[in-house]
Amino acid sequence: MESYYDDTLTPPRRLGDRVNDYFLLGVNLRFMDIFDTKFFIDMNVSNLLDQEIRYPTTSNNATFAQKGTIGRGRTFLLTLGYYF
């Protein structure tokens, strides 16, 4: 992915370096009717393979993030709910 191209600079150029592409894989599991009730548990995992995520440089972060800003790694979200 390419960073922001600023045509107001002299000479016009990209603000940062090229960022490598990445592939994100996520999973969502839901268990319904726990203990024969109307409760459920939902587990969501984002970035399952824990890939390094870098977002390309923009005009807001050109002075300190030449390789782009770092995104989140693997994250877990566990939800307990009741349906009616």
C-alpha atoms as a PDB file:
ATOM      1  CA  MET A   1       0.000   0.000   0.000  1.00  0.00           C
ATOM      2  CA  GLU A   2       1.226   3.466  -0.800  1.00  0.00           C
ATOM      3  CA  SER A   3       1.300   6.451   1.494  1.00  0.00           C
ATOM      4  CA  TYR A   4      -0.387   9.789   0.894  1.00  0.00           C
ATOM      5  CA  TYR A   5       0.834  11.664  -2.198  1.00  0.00           C
ATOM      6  CA  ASP A   6       1.206  15.349  -1.393  1.00  0.00           C
ATOM      7  CA  ASP A   7       1.289  17.565  -4.474  1.00  0.00           C
ATOM      8  CA  THR A   8       1.774  20.717  -2.377  1.00  0.00           C
ATOM      9  CA  LEU A   9       5.365  19.735  -1.544  1.00  0.00           C
ATOM     10  CA  THR A  10       8.314  20.825  -3.682  1.00  0.00           C
ATOM     11  CA  PRO A  11       8.929  18.491  -5.467  1.00  0.00           C
ATOM     12  CA  PRO A  12       5.609  16.614  -5.132  1.00  0.00           C
ATOM     13  CA  ARG A  13       6.183  13.212  -3.492  1.00  0.00           C
ATOM     14  CA  ARG A  14       4.763  10.549  -1.205  1.00  0.00           C
ATOM     15  CA  LEU A  15       5.016  11.315   2.498  1.00  0.00           C
ATOM     16  CA  GLY A  16       6.243   7.927   3.669  1.00  0.00           C
ATOM     17  CA  ASP A  17       7.533   4.534   2.643  1.00  0.00           C
ATOM     18  CA  ARG A  18       5.559   1.754   0.988  1.00  0.00           C
ATOM     19  CA  VAL A  19       3.737  -0.531   3.435  1.00  0.00           C
ATOM     20  CA  ASN A  20       3.600  -4.286   2.880  1.00  0.00           C
ATOM     21  CA  ASP A  21       0.214  -5.874   2.308  1.00  0.00           C
ATOM     22  CA  TYR A  22      -1.337  -8.244   4.833  1.00  0.00           C
ATOM     23  CA  PHE A  23      -4.107 -10.817   5.142  1.00  0.00           C
ATOM     24  CA  LEU A  24      -6.410 -10.798   8.153  1.00  0.00           C
ATOM     25  CA  LEU A  25      -8.310 -13.832   9.364  1.00  0.00           C
ATOM     26  CA  GLY A  26     -10.964 -13.726  12.068  1.00  0.00           C
ATOM     27  CA  VAL A  27     -13.288 -16.205  13.710  1.00  0.00           C
ATOM     28  CA  ASN A  28     -16.575 -15.916  15.562  1.00  0.00           C
ATOM     29  CA  LEU A  29     -18.024 -18.733  17.687  1.00  0.00           C
ATOM     30  CA  ARG A  30     -21.456 -18.685  19.319  1.00  0.00           C
ATOM     31  CA  PHE A  31     -22.765 -21.205  21.831  1.00  0.00           C
ATOM     32  CA  MET A  32     -26.553 -21.024  22.210  1.00  0.00           C
ATOM     33  CA  ASP A  33     -28.906 -22.257  24.952  1.00  0.00           C
ATOM     34  CA  ILE A  34     -26.273 -22.772  27.608  1.00  0.00           C
ATOM     35  CA  PHE A  35     -27.559 -25.024  30.414  1.00  0.00           C
ATOM     36  CA  ASP A  36     -30.916 -25.227  28.603  1.00  0.00           C
ATOM     37  CA  THR A  37     -31.573 -21.519  29.164  1.00  0.00           C
ATOM     38  CA  LYS A  38     -31.746 -18.587  26.759  1.00  0.00           C
ATOM     39  CA  PHE A  39     -28.183 -17.517  27.508  1.00  0.00           C
ATOM     40  CA  PHE A  40     -25.466 -17.500  24.867  1.00  0.00           C
ATOM     41  CA  ILE A  41     -21.721 -16.950  24.775  1.00  0.00           C
ATOM     42  CA  ASP A  42     -20.112 -15.312  21.763  1.00  0.00           C
ATOM     43  CA  MET A  43     -16.328 -15.379  21.242  1.00  0.00           C
ATOM     44  CA  ASN A  44     -14.736 -13.261  18.508  1.00  0.00           C
ATOM     45  CA  VAL A  45     -11.032 -13.334  17.618  1.00  0.00           C
ATOM     46  CA  SER A  46      -9.686 -10.712  15.217  1.00  0.00           C
ATOM     47  CA  ASN A  47      -6.328 -10.992  13.434  1.00  0.00           C
ATOM     48  CA  LEU A  48      -6.144 -14.681  14.321  1.00  0.00           C
ATOM     49  CA  LEU A  49      -2.712 -15.141  12.708  1.00  0.00           C
ATOM     50  CA  ASP A  50      -1.322 -12.081  14.557  1.00  0.00           C
ATOM     51  CA  GLN A  51      -0.134 -10.359  11.372  1.00  0.00           C
ATOM     52  CA  GLU A  52       1.703  -7.049  11.619  1.00  0.00           C
ATOM     53  CA  ILE A  53      -0.629  -4.310  10.412  1.00  0.00           C
ATOM     54  CA  ARG A  54       0.717  -0.980   9.248  1.00  0.00           C
ATOM     55  CA  TYR A  55      -1.496   1.772   7.908  1.00  0.00           C
ATOM     56  CA  PRO A  56       0.156   4.027   5.295  1.00  0.00           C
ATOM     57  CA  THR A  57       1.432   7.452   6.263  1.00  0.00           C
ATOM     58  CA  THR A  58      -0.969  10.366   5.902  1.00  0.00           C
ATOM     59  CA  SER A  59      -0.447  14.098   6.199  1.00  0.00           C
ATOM     60  CA  ASN A  60      -1.286  13.899   9.924  1.00  0.00           C
ATOM     61  CA  ASN A  61       1.614  11.598  10.834  1.00  0.00           C
ATOM     62  CA  ALA A  62       4.257  12.315   8.175  1.00  0.00           C
ATOM     63  CA  THR A  63       6.891  13.613  10.598  1.00  0.00           C
ATOM     64  CA  PHE A  64       7.093  10.588  12.896  1.00  0.00           C
ATOM     65  CA  ALA A  65       5.702   7.547  11.037  1.00  0.00           C
ATOM     66  CA  GLN A  66       7.598   6.981   7.797  1.00  0.00           C
ATOM     67  CA  LYS A  67       6.667   3.266   7.743  1.00  0.00           C
ATOM     68  CA  GLY A  68       3.073   3.978   8.756  1.00  0.00           C
ATOM     69  CA  THR A  69       1.217   3.595  12.013  1.00  0.00           C
ATOM     70  CA  ILE A  70       0.880   0.195  13.650  1.00  0.00           C
ATOM     71  CA  GLY A  71      -2.528  -1.478  13.903  1.00  0.00           C
ATOM     72  CA  ARG A  72      -3.803  -3.861  16.549  1.00  0.00           C
ATOM     73  CA  GLY A  73      -2.507  -7.384  16.911  1.00  0.00           C
ATOM     74  CA  ARG A  74      -4.639 -10.370  17.867  1.00  0.00           C
ATOM     75  CA  THR A  75      -7.695  -9.334  19.884  1.00  0.00           C
ATOM     76  CA  PHE A  76     -10.325 -11.338  21.760  1.00  0.00           C
ATOM     77  CA  LEU A  77     -13.886 -10.333  22.553  1.00  0.00           C
ATOM     78  CA  LEU A  78     -16.090 -12.486  24.778  1.00  0.00           C
ATOM     79  CA  THR A  79     -19.794 -11.666  25.095  1.00  0.00           C
ATOM     80  CA  LEU A  80     -22.407 -13.176  27.375  1.00  0.00           C
ATOM     81  CA  GLY A  81     -26.003 -12.500  26.402  1.00  0.00           C
ATOM     82  CA  TYR A  82     -29.619 -13.399  26.887  1.00  0.00           C
ATOM     83  CA  TYR A  83     -32.073 -13.569  24.016  1.00  0.00           C
ATOM     84  CA  PHE A  84     -35.841 -13.283  24.298  1.00  0.00           C
END
